[in-house]
C-alpha cells in the first residue's frame, strides 16, 4: 500500500477537475486507510524548447572539454553528471533509515527551476573547470545571422 500520491488537477471557476480520473481513482484505491492532507501546488511553466536546446549546447561544450582531458564522455554522460550534481531530490530508504539523494530528470522543471539548473552548471564549470560557458543571451546572439 502506498502512503502518498502526486496527481495533476485543474482549478477553474472555483472547482477542481482531476486529470485522468481513472488513474487517480486507481492510486487512491492503493492507499493505506487514514487521514490525509490534500495540497494543491500550481504547476509552473515547463522549460522551453529554447532552454532545452541551450542545455544540450552546454553539454556539447563540456563533452569537448572532457575529451581534451582524456575522458570519453558523450552528451548523455554529461547530462547524467549534471543532473546528479545539480538536480536531485531526497528519498527516504526505510530499510536503512537513511535519506538518499537521487537524480531527477529535467523535463518537468519550470522555466525558473531550469534556469537555476543551468546557472549551477555554468558556475561549476567556471569554478571547478576554469571553463567559461556563455550565457543563454550570448549563445543566441551568436546563433542569429
Protein backbone atom coordinates (compact mmCIF):
# COMPACT_ATOMS: atom_id res chain seq x y z
CA UNK A 1 0.00 0.00 0.00
CA UNK A 2 1.19 3.49 -0.78
CA UNK A 3 1.05 6.42 1.63
CA UNK A 4 1.24 9.39 -0.73
CA UNK A 5 0.47 10.28 -4.33
CA UNK A 6 1.05 13.13 -6.73
CA UNK A 7 -1.50 13.76 -9.44
CA UNK A 8 -2.41 16.64 -11.75
CA UNK A 9 -5.61 18.64 -11.47
CA UNK A 10 -7.02 21.81 -12.94
CA UNK A 11 -8.67 24.58 -10.92
CA UNK A 12 -11.21 26.52 -12.95
CA UNK A 13 -14.15 28.65 -11.89
CA UNK A 14 -13.60 27.69 -8.25
CA UNK A 15 -13.77 23.95 -8.93
CA UNK A 16 -11.13 21.22 -9.07
CA UNK A 17 -11.08 18.85 -12.03
CA UNK A 18 -8.94 15.74 -11.59
CA UNK A 19 -6.97 14.93 -14.73
CA UNK A 20 -7.15 11.28 -15.85
CA UNK A 21 -9.72 10.42 -13.17
CA UNK A 22 -9.48 6.61 -13.62
CA UNK A 23 -5.74 6.69 -12.86
CA UNK A 24 -6.35 8.95 -9.85
CA UNK A 25 -9.03 6.57 -8.53
CA UNK A 26 -6.64 3.63 -9.02
CA UNK A 27 -3.96 5.40 -6.99
CA UNK A 28 -6.44 6.21 -4.23
CA UNK A 29 -7.58 2.57 -4.06
CA UNK A 30 -3.97 1.52 -3.36
CA UNK A 31 -3.52 3.89 -0.40
CA UNK A 32 -3.45 2.98 3.28
CA UNK A 33 -6.64 3.90 5.12
CA UNK A 34 -6.24 7.02 7.26
CA UNK A 35 -6.42 10.81 7.38
CA UNK A 36 -4.59 12.79 4.68
CA UNK A 37 -3.90 16.40 3.80
CA UNK A 38 -4.67 17.46 0.26
CA UNK A 39 -2.34 20.14 -1.08
CA UNK A 40 -2.58 21.82 -4.47
CA UNK A 41 0.52 23.39 -6.00
CA UNK A 42 0.43 25.39 -9.19
CA UNK A 43 2.47 23.87 -11.97
CA UNK A 44 4.87 26.44 -13.31
CA UNK A 45 5.54 26.85 -16.98
CA UNK A 46 7.64 23.94 -18.15
CA UNK A 47 11.10 24.53 -19.52
CA UNK A 48 11.06 25.89 -23.02
CA UNK A 49 12.38 24.23 -26.15
CA UNK A 50 14.88 27.11 -26.34
CA UNK A 51 16.13 26.36 -22.82
CA UNK A 52 16.41 22.67 -23.64
CA UNK A 53 18.39 23.39 -26.81
CA UNK A 54 20.75 25.65 -24.85
CA UNK A 55 21.28 22.91 -22.23
CA UNK A 56 22.35 20.44 -24.93
CA UNK A 57 24.67 23.08 -26.41
CA UNK A 58 26.28 23.45 -22.97
CA UNK A 59 26.67 19.70 -22.75
CA UNK A 60 28.42 19.71 -26.13
CA UNK A 61 30.92 22.28 -24.80
CA UNK A 62 31.52 20.09 -21.74
CA UNK A 63 31.95 16.96 -23.87
CA UNK A 64 34.70 18.70 -25.84
CA UNK A 65 36.33 19.93 -22.64
CA UNK A 66 36.38 16.47 -21.04
CA UNK A 67 37.55 14.78 -24.23
CA UNK A 68 40.51 17.16 -24.29
CA UNK A 69 41.22 15.91 -20.75
CA UNK A 70 41.22 12.29 -21.99
CA UNK A 71 37.70 11.29 -20.91
CA UNK A 72 35.36 9.53 -23.35
CA UNK A 73 32.13 11.25 -22.36
CA UNK A 74 29.18 11.89 -24.63
CA UNK A 75 26.32 14.36 -24.13
CA UNK A 76 24.28 11.79 -22.19
CA UNK A 77 27.15 11.19 -19.77
CA UNK A 78 27.35 14.94 -19.18
CA UNK A 79 23.57 15.09 -18.72
CA UNK A 80 23.74 12.33 -16.09
CA UNK A 81 26.70 14.01 -14.38
CA UNK A 82 25.00 17.39 -14.21
CA UNK A 83 21.60 16.07 -13.16
CA UNK A 84 23.29 14.00 -10.44
CA UNK A 85 25.18 17.04 -9.16
CA UNK A 86 22.60 19.79 -9.54
CA UNK A 87 19.10 18.34 -9.85
CA UNK A 88 18.40 15.80 -7.14
CA UNK A 89 15.59 15.04 -4.78
CA UNK A 90 15.67 13.36 -1.38
CA UNK A 91 14.18 9.91 -0.99
CA UNK A 92 13.87 8.04 2.28
CA UNK A 93 15.11 4.45 2.37
CA UNK A 94 13.02 2.70 5.03
CA UNK A 95 15.32 -0.34 5.04
CA UNK A 96 18.31 1.69 6.26
CA UNK A 97 16.65 4.75 7.77
CA UNK A 98 18.78 6.93 5.50
CA UNK A 99 17.75 9.70 3.20
CA UNK A 100 19.46 9.50 -0.15
CA UNK A 101 19.52 11.97 -2.97
CA UNK A 102 18.58 10.68 -6.39
CA UNK A 103 18.78 12.40 -9.75
CA UNK A 104 15.57 13.69 -11.24
CA UNK A 105 15.09 14.49 -14.89
CA UNK A 106 14.81 17.99 -16.29
CA UNK A 107 11.67 17.61 -18.41
CA UNK A 108 9.27 18.66 -15.65
CA UNK A 109 11.27 21.61 -14.36
CA UNK A 110 9.64 25.01 -14.55
CA UNK A 111 11.35 27.69 -16.60
CA UNK A 112 12.74 29.23 -13.38
CA UNK A 113 13.93 25.89 -11.99
CA UNK A 114 15.54 25.10 -15.33
CA UNK A 115 17.31 28.47 -15.39
CA UNK A 116 18.66 27.76 -11.88
CA UNK A 117 19.86 24.33 -13.01
CA UNK A 118 21.69 25.86 -15.97
CA UNK A 119 23.23 28.57 -13.80
CA UNK A 120 24.58 25.93 -11.39
CA UNK A 121 26.25 24.17 -14.32
CA UNK A 122 27.76 27.43 -15.58
CA UNK A 123 29.04 28.34 -12.07
CA UNK A 124 30.52 24.87 -11.56
CA UNK A 125 32.18 24.94 -14.98
CA UNK A 126 33.86 28.24 -14.20
CA UNK A 127 34.82 27.44 -10.60
CA UNK A 128 35.93 23.82 -10.95
CA UNK A 129 36.97 23.53 -14.60
CA UNK A 130 38.06 27.11 -15.29
CA UNK A 131 35.73 26.91 -18.29
CA UNK A 132 33.51 29.86 -19.15
CA UNK A 133 30.20 28.86 -20.68
CA UNK A 134 28.42 31.67 -22.43
CA UNK A 135 25.07 32.90 -21.14
CA UNK A 136 21.88 32.00 -23.00
CA UNK A 137 21.76 35.56 -24.40
CA UNK A 138 25.36 35.33 -25.62
CA UNK A 139 24.70 31.92 -27.14
CA UNK A 140 21.57 33.00 -29.02
CA UNK A 141 23.13 36.30 -30.15
CA UNK A 142 25.92 34.27 -31.71
CA UNK A 143 23.42 31.91 -33.34
CA UNK A 144 21.45 34.69 -35.03
CA UNK A 145 22.62 35.59 -38.50
